[in-house]
Amino acid sequence: MTERRTRCEDHGGYGGAIASRARLLVGLSAPWSGLLALALVAGCLSVLPAEAADTPHPRDKPAEDAVDNPPALPEPAPAEKPAGKPAEKPRDKPLPLGSAAPTPEPAPEAEATKPEAASSCLGDLRARGAKVVARPDAVTQARCGVEEPVELSSMGAVLFDPAPILACDTARKVADFVSGTLSELASKHYGTGISTIRVAGAYECRGRNRQPGARLSEHAFGRALDMRGVTLADGGNFSVLPRADKDMTVDARFQRAVRKAACGPFTTVLGPGSDAYHDDHMHFDTKPRRSPYCR
């Protein structure tokens, strides 16, 4: 009894009131007072669990660190800027009524590269005093081909009549020979210079000696020049003719000297005595050979 009373008193409130009444009844001398006190104590015990369950418990105090230093929230990602719209091309202003639309200007055409602009051979010839122009239009037949065809009009004061069409490299060898060796020989034998080279042939798409079915001549490649004679600066003339070896005239000696001097600068030298096709001119060409052919 004393233990139950103590448990009710410990809970206070409603339980404490029941315990006080139970003590009062125990103190009474009535015979039913003890039973009533037991009933009150039992009631006290029956309400304790429910009362204890309804009693609110204090919540845990939040940690000071959590209050004072709340966890940092992640920074929000920067919002993506909307893609900019492509710049709009300015609209053309509307044309006045009745006016015609302007004609668009044609795109400038690339300036065609002139053949002579890309040729070191032409530049070299001109630097030496030659009057020369590119002539790619002169070669029209497919079976004949001339590497960089040019027209050589003069070399210094010496004219070519008519102006021959030659491969540029051959024209350079001709110009060097005329301005150097040939002019020196003329001065030595005649005491004067040369004013004109009388040309018998140059580029021509044909077979050798103009014979049907013959192999192509060096003339077909622009690598040959035929010289009929020269006109001297004093008005005199020299013509290529058949002459005997014992002929000691100035023309005979000059002719032999020219043929001998040309063998080397040119790879082929033919003239009177070589064959009947060359009795009236000298043939100089630059055909690729292991050694010069001169007769």
Protein backbone atom coordinates (compact mmCIF):
# COMPACT_ATOMS: atom_id res chain seq x y z
CA MET A 1 0.00 0.00 0.00
CA THR A 2 2.74 2.37 0.97
CA GLU A 3 4.68 1.55 -2.32
CA ARG A 4 1.60 2.14 -4.51
CA ARG A 5 0.94 5.41 -2.72
CA THR A 6 4.44 6.54 -3.33
CA ARG A 7 4.25 5.76 -7.06
CA CYS A 8 1.00 7.75 -7.36
CA GLU A 9 2.50 10.64 -5.46
CA ASP A 10 5.55 10.62 -7.66
CA HIS A 11 3.43 11.37 -10.69
CA GLY A 12 1.79 14.37 -9.07
CA GLY A 13 -1.26 16.06 -10.54
CA TYR A 14 -4.23 13.75 -10.81
CA GLY A 15 -2.33 10.81 -9.29
CA GLY A 16 -1.27 12.94 -6.31
CA ALA A 17 -4.87 13.90 -5.58
CA ILE A 18 -5.98 10.24 -5.55
CA ALA A 19 -3.12 9.35 -3.23
CA SER A 20 -4.13 12.09 -0.76
CA ARG A 21 -7.71 10.83 -0.65
CA ALA A 22 -6.51 7.25 -0.12
CA ARG A 23 -4.52 8.34 2.97
CA LEU A 24 -7.57 10.10 4.28
CA LEU A 25 -9.72 6.99 3.93
CA VAL A 26 -7.15 4.79 5.59
CA GLY A 27 -7.19 7.07 8.58
CA LEU A 28 -10.94 6.57 8.99
CA SER A 29 -12.13 3.84 11.29
CA ALA A 30 -15.08 2.80 9.17
CA PRO A 31 -14.92 -0.84 8.12
CA TRP A 32 -15.39 -0.01 4.42
CA SER A 33 -12.74 2.72 4.42
CA GLY A 34 -9.87 0.30 3.67
CA LEU A 35 -11.64 -1.15 0.66
CA LEU A 36 -12.39 2.29 -0.71
CA ALA A 37 -8.77 3.33 -0.31
CA LEU A 38 -7.61 0.26 -2.28
CA ALA A 39 -10.07 1.11 -5.05
CA LEU A 40 -8.72 4.65 -5.29
CA VAL A 41 -5.14 3.41 -5.47
CA ALA A 42 -6.06 0.93 -8.22
CA GLY A 43 -7.66 3.75 -10.18
CA CYS A 44 -4.54 5.77 -9.75
CA LEU A 45 -2.48 2.96 -11.21
CA SER A 46 -4.87 2.48 -14.15
CA VAL A 47 -4.62 6.09 -15.28
CA LEU A 48 -0.87 6.38 -14.92
CA PRO A 49 0.13 4.86 -18.29
CA ALA A 50 -2.34 6.96 -20.26
CA GLU A 51 -1.37 10.07 -18.34
CA ALA A 52 2.28 9.37 -18.79
CA ALA A 53 1.73 8.81 -22.49
CA ASP A 54 -0.06 12.15 -22.82
CA THR A 55 2.66 14.00 -20.97
CA PRO A 56 4.75 15.89 -23.59
CA HIS A 57 8.49 15.27 -23.48
CA PRO A 58 10.83 18.19 -24.03
CA ARG A 59 12.46 18.16 -27.48
CA ASP A 60 16.18 17.91 -27.81
CA LYS A 61 17.86 21.26 -27.97
CA PRO A 62 19.41 21.80 -31.36
CA ALA A 63 23.15 21.92 -31.42
CA GLU A 64 24.56 25.41 -31.19
CA ASP A 65 26.81 24.83 -34.16
CA ALA A 66 23.83 23.94 -36.30
CA VAL A 67 22.08 27.17 -35.29
CA ASP A 68 25.01 29.49 -35.43
CA ASN A 69 26.63 27.97 -38.53
CA PRO A 70 24.00 26.53 -40.78
CA PRO A 71 25.39 24.36 -43.60
CA ALA A 72 26.18 26.35 -46.67
CA LEU A 73 23.79 25.76 -49.46
CA PRO A 74 25.31 25.16 -52.91
CA GLU A 75 25.35 28.23 -55.03
CA PRO A 76 22.84 28.03 -57.81
CA ALA A 77 24.37 27.47 -61.24
CA PRO A 78 24.35 30.63 -63.33
CA ALA A 79 21.45 30.66 -65.65
CA GLU A 80 22.47 30.06 -69.23
CA LYS A 81 22.13 33.08 -71.40
CA PRO A 82 19.81 32.53 -74.27
CA ALA A 83 21.69 32.12 -77.54
CA GLY A 84 21.87 35.38 -79.33
CA LYS A 85 20.03 35.68 -82.56
CA PRO A 86 22.21 35.96 -85.65
CA ALA A 87 22.66 39.46 -86.83
CA GLU A 88 20.14 40.23 -89.45
CA LYS A 89 21.40 41.60 -92.71
CA PRO A 90 20.12 45.09 -93.32
CA ARG A 91 17.32 45.01 -95.76
CA ASP A 92 17.75 46.84 -98.98
CA LYS A 93 15.72 49.95 -99.24
CA PRO A 94 12.78 49.54 -101.57
CA LEU A 95 13.34 51.05 -104.97
CA PRO A 96 11.10 53.86 -106.08
CA LEU A 97 8.29 52.83 -108.37
CA GLY A 98 9.26 52.72 -112.00
CA SER A 99 13.03 52.51 -111.36
CA ALA A 100 15.06 49.59 -112.68
CA ALA A 101 17.03 47.36 -110.35
CA PRO A 102 20.79 48.12 -110.47
CA THR A 103 22.86 45.63 -112.43
CA PRO A 104 25.32 43.82 -110.10
CA GLU A 105 28.95 44.46 -110.89
CA PRO A 106 30.71 41.37 -112.27
CA ALA A 107 33.41 39.84 -110.10
CA PRO A 108 36.86 40.96 -111.22
CA GLU A 109 38.53 38.29 -113.33
CA ALA A 110 41.93 37.08 -112.32
CA GLU A 111 44.49 38.66 -114.59
CA ALA A 112 45.90 36.06 -116.92
CA THR A 113 49.58 35.45 -116.42
CA LYS A 114 51.43 36.45 -119.54
CA PRO A 115 53.82 33.77 -120.80
CA GLU A 116 56.74 36.18 -120.91
CA ALA A 117 56.14 37.24 -117.31
CA ALA A 118 56.90 33.72 -116.08
CA SER A 119 59.87 33.10 -118.42
CA SER A 120 63.41 33.57 -117.20
CA CYS A 121 64.57 32.79 -120.74
CA LEU A 122 62.70 35.75 -122.19
CA GLY A 123 63.98 37.99 -119.44
CA ASP A 124 67.52 36.83 -120.11
CA LEU A 125 67.22 37.48 -123.84
CA ARG A 126 65.87 40.96 -123.27
CA ALA A 127 68.59 41.71 -120.76
CA ARG A 128 71.15 40.87 -123.45
CA GLY A 129 69.55 43.32 -125.87
CA ALA A 130 67.30 41.02 -127.89
CA LYS A 131 63.93 42.10 -129.21
CA VAL A 132 61.79 39.03 -128.59
CA VAL A 133 58.16 38.18 -127.88
CA ALA A 134 56.38 35.00 -126.84
CA ARG A 135 54.53 33.27 -129.69
CA PRO A 136 52.55 30.29 -128.34
CA ASP A 137 49.99 30.88 -131.08
CA ALA A 138 52.54 29.99 -133.77
CA VAL A 139 52.46 26.27 -132.93
CA THR A 140 49.14 24.78 -133.99
CA GLN A 141 49.86 21.21 -135.14
CA ALA A 142 49.67 18.48 -132.50
CA ARG A 143 52.51 16.35 -133.89
CA CYS A 144 54.97 19.23 -133.60
CA GLY A 145 55.78 20.85 -130.29
CA VAL A 146 57.93 23.83 -129.42
CA GLU A 147 59.03 24.47 -125.87
CA GLU A 148 58.29 28.13 -125.14
CA PRO A 149 58.09 29.43 -128.72
CA VAL A 150 59.31 32.98 -129.26
CA GLU A 151 59.78 35.35 -132.17
CA LEU A 152 63.28 36.83 -132.37
CA SER A 153 63.31 40.12 -134.30
CA SER A 154 66.75 41.43 -133.48
CA MET A 155 69.80 41.05 -131.31
CA GLY A 156 71.26 44.43 -130.54
CA ALA A 157 71.78 46.20 -133.86
CA VAL A 158 71.50 42.98 -135.89
CA LEU A 159 68.12 42.28 -137.48
CA PHE A 160 66.66 38.89 -138.43
CA ASP A 161 64.86 38.82 -141.76
CA PRO A 162 62.30 37.36 -141.53
CA ALA A 163 61.99 37.11 -137.73
CA PRO A 164 62.27 33.40 -136.90
CA ILE A 165 60.00 31.41 -134.56
CA LEU A 166 62.24 29.35 -132.27
CA ALA A 167 62.20 27.55 -128.96
CA CYS A 168 63.32 30.13 -126.43
CA ASP A 169 66.49 28.27 -125.43
CA THR A 170 67.51 27.91 -129.08
CA ALA A 171 66.78 31.60 -129.67
CA ARG A 172 69.12 32.41 -126.80
CA LYS A 173 71.94 30.35 -128.35
CA VAL A 174 71.34 32.02 -131.74
CA ALA A 175 71.37 35.48 -130.19
CA ASP A 176 74.61 34.76 -128.33
CA PHE A 177 76.27 33.38 -131.44
CA VAL A 178 75.23 36.33 -133.62
CA SER A 179 76.19 39.05 -131.15
CA GLY A 180 79.44 37.35 -130.24
CA THR A 181 81.22 34.93 -132.56
CA LEU A 182 79.54 35.83 -135.87
CA SER A 183 79.95 39.59 -135.42
CA GLU A 184 83.60 39.13 -134.46
CA LEU A 185 84.28 37.00 -137.53
CA ALA A 186 82.57 39.55 -139.79
CA SER A 187 84.69 42.32 -138.32
CA LYS A 188 87.83 40.21 -138.76
CA HIS A 189 87.18 39.24 -142.37
CA TYR A 190 85.33 42.28 -143.69
CA GLY A 191 86.35 45.03 -141.31
CA THR A 192 82.72 45.81 -140.48
CA GLY A 193 79.79 44.54 -138.54
CA ILE A 194 76.57 42.74 -139.45
CA SER A 195 73.30 44.55 -139.99
CA THR A 196 70.99 41.67 -141.00
CA ILE A 197 70.82 37.89 -140.82
CA ARG A 198 68.99 36.56 -143.87
CA VAL A 199 66.93 33.65 -142.54
CA ALA A 200 66.10 30.67 -144.79
CA GLY A 201 64.06 28.72 -142.22
CA ALA A 202 63.14 28.25 -138.57
CA TYR A 203 60.11 26.59 -136.98
CA GLU A 204 58.19 24.52 -139.50
CA CYS A 205 56.18 21.41 -138.80
CA ARG A 206 57.73 19.07 -141.38
CA GLY A 207 59.90 16.03 -141.90
CA ARG A 208 63.62 16.11 -142.57
CA ASN A 209 64.55 17.77 -145.85
CA ARG A 210 60.78 18.01 -146.53
CA GLN A 211 60.75 14.41 -147.61
CA PRO A 212 57.41 12.51 -147.38
CA GLY A 213 57.41 9.94 -144.55
CA ALA A 214 60.70 11.25 -143.11
CA ARG A 215 61.25 11.64 -139.41
CA LEU A 216 60.42 15.01 -137.98
CA SER A 217 63.08 17.63 -138.49
CA GLU A 218 64.49 19.71 -135.65
CA HIS A 219 62.65 22.56 -137.35
CA ALA A 220 59.42 20.88 -136.18
CA PHE A 221 60.51 21.48 -132.56
CA GLY A 222 61.76 25.03 -133.06
CA ARG A 223 65.35 23.94 -132.40
CA ALA A 224 66.83 24.83 -135.83
CA LEU A 225 67.73 27.97 -137.78
CA ASP A 226 68.77 28.07 -141.45
CA MET A 227 70.94 31.05 -142.44
CA ARG A 228 71.08 31.99 -146.11
CA GLY A 229 73.64 34.78 -145.68
CA VAL A 230 74.29 38.12 -143.97
CA THR A 231 74.11 41.75 -144.92
CA LEU A 232 77.08 43.71 -143.66
CA ALA A 233 76.88 47.04 -141.93
CA ASP A 234 78.68 48.72 -144.88
CA GLY A 235 76.07 47.39 -147.30
CA GLY A 236 78.03 44.38 -148.49
CA ASN A 237 76.52 40.89 -148.70
CA PHE A 238 77.68 37.40 -147.98
CA SER A 239 75.77 34.40 -149.34
CA VAL A 240 76.22 30.74 -148.48
CA LEU A 241 77.36 28.83 -151.56
CA PRO A 242 79.36 25.67 -152.39
CA ARG A 243 83.05 26.63 -152.27
CA ALA A 244 86.19 24.57 -152.76
CA ASP A 245 88.51 24.01 -149.86
CA LYS A 246 91.31 25.69 -151.82
CA ASP A 247 89.21 28.80 -152.34
CA MET A 248 91.01 31.56 -150.44
CA THR A 249 88.61 34.39 -151.16
CA VAL A 250 87.31 36.34 -148.21
CA ASP A 251 83.83 34.87 -148.62
CA ALA A 252 85.22 31.30 -148.70
CA ARG A 253 87.40 31.89 -145.67
CA PHE A 254 84.55 33.56 -143.78
CA GLN A 255 82.21 30.67 -144.63
CA ARG A 256 84.66 28.05 -143.38
CA ALA A 257 85.38 30.05 -140.21
CA VAL A 258 81.66 30.36 -139.41
CA ARG A 259 81.00 26.63 -139.86
CA LYS A 260 83.93 25.73 -137.64
CA ALA A 261 83.03 28.22 -134.90
CA ALA A 262 79.37 27.14 -134.85
CA CYS A 263 80.26 23.51 -134.08
CA GLY A 264 79.99 23.44 -130.29
CA PRO A 265 77.53 26.21 -129.54
CA PHE A 266 75.19 24.19 -131.78
CA THR A 267 74.98 20.41 -131.73
CA THR A 268 74.36 20.09 -135.47
CA VAL A 269 75.99 22.18 -138.23
CA LEU A 270 75.34 21.45 -141.90
CA GLY A 271 76.08 23.42 -145.08
CA PRO A 272 77.44 23.15 -148.59
CA GLY A 273 79.16 19.81 -149.02
CA SER A 274 77.04 18.03 -146.37
CA ASP A 275 74.34 17.05 -148.88
CA ALA A 276 72.43 18.59 -151.75
CA TYR A 277 69.72 19.88 -149.39
CA HIS A 278 72.13 22.32 -147.70
CA ASP A 279 74.08 23.79 -150.60
CA ASP A 280 72.56 27.26 -150.27
CA HIS A 281 72.35 27.73 -146.51
CA MET A 282 73.87 26.78 -143.17
CA HIS A 283 71.78 24.72 -140.76
CA PHE A 284 72.30 25.24 -137.03
CA ASP A 285 70.30 23.26 -134.47
CA THR A 286 70.31 22.35 -130.78
CA LYS A 287 69.18 18.74 -130.96
CA PRO A 288 70.18 16.88 -127.75
CA ARG A 289 73.28 14.83 -128.62
CA ARG A 290 76.17 13.23 -126.81
CA SER A 291 78.58 15.13 -129.10
CA PRO A 292 78.15 17.69 -131.92
CA TYR A 293 77.50 16.53 -135.47
CA CYS A 294 79.22 18.90 -137.92
CA ARG A 295 79.94 18.25 -141.61
